[in-house]
Protein backbone atom coordinates (compact mmCIF):
# COMPACT_ATOMS: atom_id res chain seq x y z
CA UNK A 1 -11.63 25.82 6.54
CA UNK A 2 -9.65 24.57 9.16
CA UNK A 3 -6.38 23.17 8.26
CA UNK A 4 -6.44 19.19 7.57
CA UNK A 5 -4.04 16.81 9.19
CA UNK A 6 -3.64 13.39 7.35
CA UNK A 7 -3.02 10.06 9.78
CA UNK A 8 -1.99 7.08 7.59
CA UNK A 9 -3.07 3.49 8.43
CA UNK A 10 -1.16 1.10 6.05
CA UNK A 11 -4.03 -0.65 3.25
CA UNK A 12 -3.84 -3.89 1.54
CA UNK A 13 -3.94 -4.28 -1.63
CA UNK A 14 -4.20 -7.86 -3.40
CA UNK A 15 -4.74 -9.69 -6.59
CA UNK A 16 -7.82 -11.80 -7.04
CA UNK A 17 -10.85 -12.68 -8.55
CA UNK A 18 -11.48 -8.93 -10.06
CA UNK A 19 -9.49 -6.27 -10.74
CA UNK A 20 -11.33 -2.74 -10.79
CA UNK A 21 -13.04 -1.42 -7.68
CA UNK A 22 -9.10 -0.93 -6.24
CA UNK A 23 -9.21 2.97 -6.68
CA UNK A 24 -12.25 3.36 -3.76
CA UNK A 25 -8.91 1.26 -2.16
CA UNK A 26 -6.55 3.44 -3.10
CA UNK A 27 -8.61 6.57 -2.08
CA UNK A 28 -8.36 5.60 1.67
CA UNK A 29 -6.28 8.82 1.93
CA UNK A 30 -9.75 10.40 1.03
CA UNK A 31 -12.12 8.75 3.48
CA UNK A 32 -11.84 7.17 7.18
CA UNK A 33 -14.42 4.26 6.45
CA UNK A 34 -11.98 2.96 4.43
CA UNK A 35 -8.91 0.86 5.72
CA UNK A 36 -6.71 2.95 6.01
CA UNK A 37 -5.99 6.98 5.90
CA UNK A 38 -8.68 9.00 7.98
CA UNK A 39 -8.85 12.90 7.65
CA UNK A 40 -9.22 14.97 11.40
CA UNK A 41 -10.10 18.16 10.99
CA UNK A 42 -8.57 20.21 13.52
CA UNK A 43 -10.74 23.09 13.40
CA UNK A 44 -14.39 21.63 11.98
CA UNK A 45 -15.74 24.42 10.55
CA UNK A 46 -17.02 23.58 7.55
CA UNK A 47 -20.84 22.09 7.07
CA UNK A 48 -20.70 19.53 4.43
CA UNK A 49 -18.00 16.75 3.64
CA UNK A 50 -18.00 14.42 0.42
CA UNK A 51 -15.86 11.85 -0.58
CA UNK A 52 -16.56 9.62 -4.36
CA UNK A 53 -16.00 9.96 -7.78
CA UNK A 54 -16.04 12.72 -10.55
CA UNK A 55 -19.15 11.53 -12.90
CA UNK A 56 -19.72 14.80 -14.99
CA UNK A 57 -17.97 18.40 -15.16
CA UNK A 58 -20.13 21.49 -17.22
CA UNK A 59 -17.87 25.01 -16.18
CA UNK A 60 -17.68 25.32 -12.56
CA UNK A 61 -19.71 22.77 -11.62
CA UNK A 62 -19.03 19.10 -11.50
CA UNK A 63 -21.11 15.87 -10.14
CA UNK A 64 -19.68 13.42 -7.18
CA UNK A 65 -20.70 9.67 -7.31
CA UNK A 66 -20.06 9.53 -3.81
CA UNK A 67 -18.99 6.74 -2.16
CA UNK A 68 -22.16 6.38 0.38
CA UNK A 69 -23.97 7.06 -2.88
CA UNK A 70 -26.20 9.50 -3.92
CA UNK A 71 -24.72 11.59 -6.29
CA UNK A 72 -23.96 15.24 -5.15
CA UNK A 73 -23.95 18.81 -6.73
CA UNK A 74 -20.61 21.16 -6.32
CA UNK A 75 -20.37 24.16 -7.19
CA UNK A 76 -16.09 25.72 -7.39
CA UNK A 77 -16.52 29.31 -6.94
CA UNK A 78 -12.28 31.46 -7.69
CA UNK A 79 -11.92 30.92 -4.51
CA UNK A 80 -12.47 27.41 -3.62
CA UNK A 81 -9.01 25.58 -3.18
CA UNK A 82 -8.04 22.85 -4.85
CA UNK A 83 -5.13 20.29 -4.45
CA UNK A 84 -3.36 16.93 -6.09
CA UNK A 85 -2.81 14.75 -3.31
CA UNK A 86 -1.01 11.42 -4.05
CA UNK A 87 -1.87 8.01 -3.26
CA UNK A 88 -0.52 7.03 0.02
CA UNK A 89 0.84 10.37 0.64
CA UNK A 90 0.58 11.37 4.92
CA UNK A 91 0.38 15.00 4.36
CA UNK A 92 -0.98 18.00 3.08
CA UNK A 93 2.18 19.58 2.78
CA UNK A 94 3.58 17.09 0.09
CA UNK A 95 -0.14 18.44 -1.84
CA UNK A 96 0.55 20.21 -5.06
CA UNK A 97 -2.43 23.24 -6.45
CA UNK A 98 -5.00 22.34 -9.03
CA UNK A 99 -7.58 24.95 -11.32
CA UNK A 100 -10.50 23.59 -12.04
CA UNK A 101 -10.28 22.65 -15.67
CA UNK A 102 -7.44 20.24 -14.34
CA UNK A 103 -10.42 18.27 -12.98
CA UNK A 104 -11.18 15.53 -14.93
CA UNK A 105 -13.78 12.78 -15.02
CA UNK A 106 -13.07 9.88 -12.92
CA UNK A 107 -10.73 11.76 -10.59
CA UNK A 108 -11.26 11.11 -6.55
CA UNK A 109 -11.96 13.66 -4.40
CA UNK A 110 -12.77 14.91 -0.95
CA UNK A 111 -14.86 18.03 -1.41
CA UNK A 112 -15.83 20.23 1.84
CA UNK A 113 -17.92 23.31 2.23
CA UNK A 114 -21.30 24.53 2.71
CA UNK A 115 -23.88 22.21 1.88
CA UNK A 116 -26.96 22.76 0.27
CA UNK A 117 -30.89 21.48 -0.63
CA UNK A 118 -31.36 18.69 -3.05
CA UNK A 119 -28.04 17.48 -1.96
CA UNK A 120 -25.70 19.89 -3.42
CA UNK A 121 -22.28 21.86 -1.86
CA UNK A 122 -20.43 25.26 -2.64
CA UNK A 123 -16.90 23.78 -2.26
CA UNK A 124 -14.52 25.83 0.09
CA UNK A 125 -11.30 23.11 -0.44
CA UNK A 126 -11.08 19.75 -2.80
CA UNK A 127 -8.62 17.84 -2.42
CA UNK A 128 -7.76 15.56 -5.13
CA UNK A 129 -6.44 12.12 -6.41
CA UNK A 130 -5.91 11.78 -10.35
CA UNK A 131 -7.19 8.71 -11.53
CA UNK A 132 -4.06 8.44 -13.52
CA UNK A 133 -2.48 8.58 -10.38
CA UNK A 134 -4.80 6.07 -9.23
CA UNK A 135 -4.44 3.56 -11.65
CA UNK A 136 -0.36 4.07 -11.06
CA UNK A 137 -0.78 2.96 -7.15
CA UNK A 138 -3.09 -0.14 -8.42
CA UNK A 139 -0.59 -1.56 -10.87
CA UNK A 140 2.70 -1.01 -8.43
CA UNK A 141 0.52 -2.58 -5.94
CA UNK A 142 -0.85 -5.26 -7.81
CA UNK A 143 3.34 -6.18 -8.70
CA UNK A 144 3.97 -6.12 -5.39
CA UNK A 145 1.37 -8.56 -4.34
CA UNK A 146 2.13 -10.67 -6.88
CA UNK A 147 6.24 -10.53 -5.48
CA UNK A 148 5.55 -10.11 -2.00
CA UNK A 149 2.11 -12.02 -1.23
CA UNK A 150 1.60 -15.29 -0.33
CA UNK A 151 -2.45 -16.52 0.45
CA UNK A 152 -4.37 -19.76 1.59
CA UNK A 153 -5.90 -21.54 4.02
CA UNK A 154 -4.70 -20.85 8.00
CA UNK A 155 -3.96 -24.55 8.84
CA UNK A 156 -2.46 -23.21 12.21
CA UNK A 157 -2.32 -19.86 14.19
CA UNK A 158 -0.15 -18.88 17.82
CA UNK A 159 -1.60 -16.26 19.59
CA UNK A 160 1.10 -15.90 21.75
CA UNK A 161 4.08 -15.43 19.24
CA UNK A 162 1.47 -13.97 16.33
CA UNK A 163 2.71 -16.83 13.97
CA UNK A 164 0.00 -18.16 11.79
CA UNK A 165 0.79 -21.80 9.26
CA UNK A 166 -1.05 -21.18 5.84
CA UNK A 167 -1.49 -23.80 3.87
CA UNK A 168 -0.65 -22.87 0.15
CA UNK A 169 -1.89 -26.07 -1.73
CA UNK A 170 -1.83 -29.71 0.32
CA UNK A 171 1.49 -30.23 0.29
CA UNK A 172 2.73 -26.85 0.87
CA UNK A 173 2.58 -24.03 3.80
CA UNK A 174 4.40 -20.42 4.22
CA UNK A 175 4.77 -19.50 8.02
CA UNK A 176 3.73 -15.77 8.40
CA UNK A 177 4.88 -14.13 11.36
CA UNK A 178 3.70 -10.74 12.51
CA UNK A 179 3.80 -8.17 15.25
CA UNK A 180 3.07 -4.71 16.39
CA UNK A 181 3.70 -3.21 13.25
CA UNK A 182 1.95 -5.39 11.03
CA UNK A 183 -1.57 -3.61 9.78
CA UNK A 184 -4.72 -6.37 9.77
CA UNK A 185 -7.62 -6.33 8.06
CA UNK A 186 -10.71 -7.78 8.04
CA UNK A 187 -12.97 -9.39 4.64
CA UNK A 188 -16.64 -8.38 5.63
CA UNK A 189 -18.99 -11.80 6.05
CA UNK A 190 -20.47 -11.44 2.20
CA UNK A 191 -18.18 -9.51 0.31
CA UNK A 192 -14.05 -9.58 -0.77
CA UNK A 193 -13.71 -6.12 -1.64
CA UNK A 194 -11.69 -4.41 -0.12
CA UNK A 195 -14.15 -1.43 0.01
CA UNK A 196 -16.30 -3.54 2.28
CA UNK A 197 -13.19 -4.91 4.99
CA UNK A 198 -12.66 -3.12 8.23
CA UNK A 199 -9.22 -3.03 10.50
CA UNK A 200 -9.34 -5.70 11.78
CA UNK A 201 -7.17 -7.77 14.70
CA UNK A 202 -5.01 -10.93 15.09
CA UNK A 203 -7.31 -12.38 17.87
CA UNK A 204 -9.92 -12.10 14.80
CA UNK A 205 -8.14 -15.02 12.53
CA UNK A 206 -8.98 -18.51 13.18
CA UNK A 207 -8.07 -21.77 11.65
CA UNK A 208 -10.12 -22.48 8.30
CA UNK A 209 -10.65 -19.21 7.73
CA UNK A 210 -8.66 -17.40 3.95
CA UNK A 211 -5.37 -15.46 4.21
CA UNK A 212 -3.25 -12.98 1.75
CA UNK A 213 0.02 -11.48 3.56
CA UNK A 214 2.48 -9.09 2.28
CA UNK A 215 5.66 -8.75 3.67
CA UNK A 216 9.49 -9.93 2.99
CA UNK A 217 10.13 -13.50 1.98
CA UNK A 218 12.70 -16.04 3.64
CA UNK A 219 15.17 -17.15 1.11
CA UNK A 220 13.67 -20.70 0.90
CA UNK A 221 10.28 -19.05 0.33
CA UNK A 222 8.62 -20.65 3.46
CA UNK A 223 8.83 -18.19 6.08
CA UNK A 224 7.45 -13.72 5.23
CA UNK A 225 7.43 -11.52 7.85
CA UNK A 226 4.31 -9.51 7.13
CA UNK A 227 3.72 -6.16 6.47
CA UNK A 228 0.05 -6.58 5.48
CA UNK A 229 -2.95 -9.19 5.99
CA UNK A 230 -6.02 -9.36 5.40
CA UNK A 231 -8.44 -12.32 6.53
CA UNK A 232 -11.93 -13.98 6.62
CA UNK A 233 -14.24 -16.39 7.37
CA UNK A 234 -15.69 -17.83 4.07
CA UNK A 235 -17.85 -21.77 2.49
CA UNK A 236 -15.72 -23.62 0.59
CA UNK A 237 -18.58 -25.63 -1.27
CA UNK A 238 -17.68 -29.01 -3.63
CA UNK A 239 -20.29 -31.17 -5.58
CA UNK A 240 -22.00 -31.73 -8.31
CA UNK A 241 -25.28 -28.98 -9.37
CA UNK A 242 -28.68 -31.00 -8.84
CA UNK A 243 -31.20 -28.10 -9.76
CA UNK A 244 -30.90 -25.01 -12.26
CA UNK A 245 -33.13 -21.69 -11.57
CA UNK A 246 -31.62 -18.88 -13.66
CA UNK A 247 -34.61 -16.65 -13.43
CA UNK A 248 -33.65 -16.58 -10.00
CA UNK A 249 -30.17 -16.30 -10.29
CA UNK A 250 -29.64 -19.74 -8.35
CA UNK A 251 -28.37 -22.91 -8.17
CA UNK A 252 -28.41 -26.47 -6.56
CA UNK A 253 -25.56 -28.18 -4.95
CA UNK A 254 -24.76 -31.27 -3.61
CA UNK A 255 -21.83 -30.09 -1.37
CA UNK A 256 -19.76 -33.26 -0.59
CA UNK A 257 -17.77 -31.28 2.33
CA UNK A 258 -20.98 -30.70 4.04
CA UNK A 259 -22.45 -33.75 3.27
CA UNK A 260 -25.61 -32.07 2.67
CA UNK A 261 -27.19 -29.89 -0.04
CA UNK A 262 -27.24 -26.08 -0.17
CA UNK A 263 -28.97 -23.65 -2.47
CA UNK A 264 -25.67 -20.99 -4.04
CA UNK A 265 -27.40 -17.35 -5.41
CA UNK A 266 -25.50 -15.29 -7.62
CA UNK A 267 -25.22 -11.39 -7.42
CA UNK A 268 -23.57 -9.11 -10.08
CA UNK A 269 -20.27 -9.28 -7.89
CA UNK A 270 -19.92 -13.32 -8.29
CA UNK A 271 -17.43 -14.60 -10.88
CA UNK A 272 -17.79 -17.86 -12.70
CA UNK A 273 -14.86 -19.60 -14.38
CA UNK A 274 -14.51 -22.95 -16.49
CA UNK A 275 -11.63 -24.97 -16.83
CA UNK A 276 -10.34 -26.70 -20.04
CA UNK A 277 -10.39 -30.42 -19.81
CA UNK A 278 -6.46 -30.40 -20.43
CA UNK A 279 -6.09 -28.00 -17.49
CA UNK A 280 -8.11 -29.93 -15.05
CA UNK A 281 -6.37 -33.19 -15.67
CA UNK A 282 -3.37 -31.42 -14.73
CA UNK A 283 -4.31 -30.30 -12.13
CA UNK A 284 -5.98 -33.23 -10.51
CA UNK A 285 -2.96 -34.81 -11.48
CA UNK A 286 -0.97 -32.09 -8.80
CA UNK A 287 -3.33 -32.95 -6.24
CA UNK A 288 -3.17 -36.96 -6.69
CA UNK A 289 0.64 -37.14 -6.46
CA UNK A 290 1.19 -34.45 -4.15
CA UNK A 291 4.24 -33.30 -5.78
CA UNK A 292 5.99 -30.53 -3.55
CA UNK A 293 6.03 -27.45 -5.59
CA UNK A 294 9.38 -26.92 -7.49
CA UNK A 295 10.37 -30.42 -7.59
CA UNK A 296 9.81 -32.85 -10.62
CA UNK A 297 6.75 -31.77 -12.18
CA UNK A 298 5.24 -29.15 -10.07
CA UNK A 299 5.50 -26.06 -12.83
CA UNK A 300 4.43 -28.46 -16.23
CA UNK A 301 1.42 -30.56 -14.17
CA UNK A 302 0.40 -26.93 -12.92
CA UNK A 303 1.22 -24.32 -15.73
CA UNK A 304 -1.35 -22.24 -16.22
CA UNK A 305 -3.53 -23.43 -19.75
CA UNK A 306 -4.75 -20.65 -22.33
CA UNK A 307 -8.29 -20.59 -23.08
CA UNK A 308 -8.24 -22.99 -25.58
CA UNK A 309 -6.77 -26.01 -23.45
CA UNK A 310 -2.95 -25.41 -23.98
CA UNK A 311 -0.19 -24.66 -21.92
CA UNK A 312 0.45 -21.05 -21.41
CA UNK A 313 4.38 -19.86 -21.30
CA UNK A 314 4.96 -20.10 -17.41
CA UNK A 315 7.06 -16.36 -16.08
CA UNK A 316 9.79 -16.75 -13.79
CA UNK A 317 9.55 -17.30 -10.34
CA UNK A 318 8.16 -14.97 -8.01
CA UNK A 319 6.78 -13.08 -11.05
CA UNK A 320 2.82 -12.67 -12.25
CA UNK A 321 2.54 -15.81 -14.49
CA UNK A 322 1.17 -19.06 -12.90
CA UNK A 323 4.55 -21.69 -12.59
CA UNK A 324 6.00 -21.98 -8.98
CA UNK A 325 7.17 -19.35 -7.01
CA UNK A 326 11.12 -19.12 -6.17
CA UNK A 327 10.99 -21.35 -3.08
CA UNK A 328 7.17 -21.94 -3.10
CA UNK A 329 4.46 -23.13 -4.27
CA UNK A 330 2.64 -22.82 -7.88
CA UNK A 331 0.57 -19.65 -7.57
CA UNK A 332 -2.92 -21.19 -8.08
CA UNK A 333 -4.31 -17.53 -7.65
CA UNK A 334 -2.38 -16.95 -10.94
CA UNK A 335 -3.50 -20.25 -12.74
CA UNK A 336 -6.73 -19.75 -11.72
CA UNK A 337 -7.78 -15.94 -13.17
CA UNK A 338 -6.21 -16.87 -16.44
CA UNK A 339 -9.58 -19.04 -16.80
CA UNK A 340 -12.46 -18.18 -18.80
CA UNK A 341 -15.50 -16.29 -17.43
CA UNK A 342 -18.74 -18.24 -18.07
CA UNK A 343 -22.13 -17.39 -17.45
CA UNK A 344 -24.77 -18.90 -15.26
CA UNK A 345 -26.90 -20.36 -18.11
CA UNK A 346 -24.02 -21.78 -19.51
CA UNK A 347 -23.88 -24.42 -16.20
CA UNK A 348 -25.53 -27.50 -16.30
CA UNK A 349 -27.25 -30.23 -14.07
CA UNK A 350 -24.86 -32.19 -12.93
CA UNK A 351 -22.13 -29.83 -13.73
CA UNK A 352 -18.83 -30.59 -11.19
CA UNK A 353 -18.04 -27.08 -9.28
CA UNK A 354 -16.49 -25.56 -6.52
CA UNK A 355 -17.44 -22.63 -5.41
CA UNK A 356 -16.10 -20.50 -2.28
CA UNK A 357 -19.23 -18.29 -0.95
CA UNK A 358 -19.85 -16.71 1.80
CA UNK A 359 -21.25 -18.28 5.40
CA UNK A 360 -24.78 -18.35 4.66
CA UNK A 361 -27.63 -16.94 7.03
CA UNK A 362 -30.26 -19.76 8.98
CA UNK A 363 -32.49 -20.37 5.46
CA UNK A 364 -29.16 -22.07 4.58
CA UNK A 365 -28.50 -20.07 1.54
CA UNK A 366 -25.20 -18.74 0.33
CA UNK A 367 -24.12 -15.82 -2.00
CA UNK A 368 -21.66 -17.44 -4.92
CA UNK A 369 -18.39 -15.30 -4.29
CA UNK A 370 -16.65 -17.50 -7.02
CA UNK A 371 -17.42 -20.48 -9.08
CA UNK A 372 -14.97 -22.80 -10.67
CA UNK A 373 -16.58 -25.44 -13.13
CA UNK A 374 -14.72 -27.79 -15.42
CA UNK A 375 -13.98 -29.88 -12.00
CA UNK A 376 -14.73 -33.30 -11.77
CA UNK A 377 -10.85 -34.90 -12.62
CA UNK A 378 -10.36 -32.52 -9.68
CA UNK A 379 -12.91 -33.66 -7.43
CA UNK A 380 -12.26 -37.57 -8.94
CA UNK A 381 -8.60 -37.23 -7.39
CA UNK A 382 -10.25 -35.92 -4.23
CA UNK A 383 -13.24 -37.79 -3.21
CA UNK A 384 -13.82 -35.66 -0.32
CA UNK A 385 -13.62 -32.39 -1.54
CA UNK A 386 -11.01 -31.89 1.24
CA UNK A 387 -7.30 -31.55 -0.68
CA UNK A 388 -9.49 -29.81 -3.38
CA UNK A 389 -10.75 -27.44 -1.54
CA UNK A 390 -7.17 -26.30 0.03
CA UNK A 391 -5.72 -26.46 -2.99
CA UNK A 392 -7.99 -23.48 -4.90
CA UNK A 393 -8.60 -21.76 -1.34
CA UNK A 394 -7.45 -17.99 -1.53
CA UNK A 395 -7.83 -17.88 -5.23
CA UNK A 396 -11.14 -16.01 -4.98
CA UNK A 397 -9.90 -13.61 -2.77
CA UNK A 398 -9.17 -9.80 -4.66
CA UNK A 399 -5.37 -9.95 -4.05
CA UNK A 400 -3.96 -6.94 -3.01
CA UNK A 401 -3.96 -5.15 -6.40
CA UNK A 402 -7.90 -5.57 -6.89
CA UNK A 403 -10.96 -5.88 -5.70
CA UNK A 404 -12.57 -8.44 -4.85
CA UNK A 405 -10.63 -9.52 -7.43
CA UNK A 406 -10.38 -11.46 -3.54
CA UNK A 407 -7.69 -6.42 -2.75
């Protein structure tokens, strides 16, 4: 097999709605379709190549659940070259040798070799990212995005300077400064999974988009020099449920934002959460009072609640909790990710809901990315729903550190 060279493109890992599929992101080093690291063969003599996760191992044969879908039977011989590569590595010279007994279910790998019948490969080389390494990288990225990230709705953009203004809450904005060194990703129109995102550009970002950025913050927290930016166009829905169709996984909502009725479909990736009444009242108070972050009752009114509705402890600014970040507003993504999940049958007609969904198709049906119930006090505090939508703008996006989990 010819020598392989790894070319790196910085990737994003965001904390948000779901944690779990980030392994597919961390392993960008193994597949060119995953925004980041591209493998290029200088002498492409191998007849087959596949990327995926080890599903099972038996003797000298393993089953690979490929990223493209089908399972692949991989036979390993004594001459197969197996190396271990750390997530984020950019050069195979840093790889270390492994043997077949070192491989485990859950490991990520790139297999090259001779293709056979029935989705099989006789491997000549295997590049492995160990499951433990991926998990460690996930945790590191989650923590880094919590400390150095921001997100919300794009309220203004200046293409000439690369400056983007992001409304984190209705009363607090952050200026995101981009440059030629900033890497951009763009969410798929129907997904906030990083594995579905594509390399993007500044020109693709528009007012009203949802955006997450990571980089260096100014001392007052009002500016961020971005290393990575991920954005997408999604639909905010706020209103009351007018009809339920649980067998078909749909609800009908009277949307006060668009001033029309919309059918919302749910799938296995949709997330549903419900605010405790006490928590909803506190967030409504914050919305109505317009309290600036870090002043007065910002942390008190926006403290995360436990599942019982009691206020939870607030962590120091910049940490992983739901309190106000240093120089910035309360991190509503952190708050809302602690809210207990519910199922579709637990919702009822006339419930007040806020939904972040796909843009939808010509049929008018949209797919829910995230739904938040128990929001009647919040919608009452924002009769037209626009302020409430801004308040919860970015919480659905897998914050780098999780997948749809909002990277």
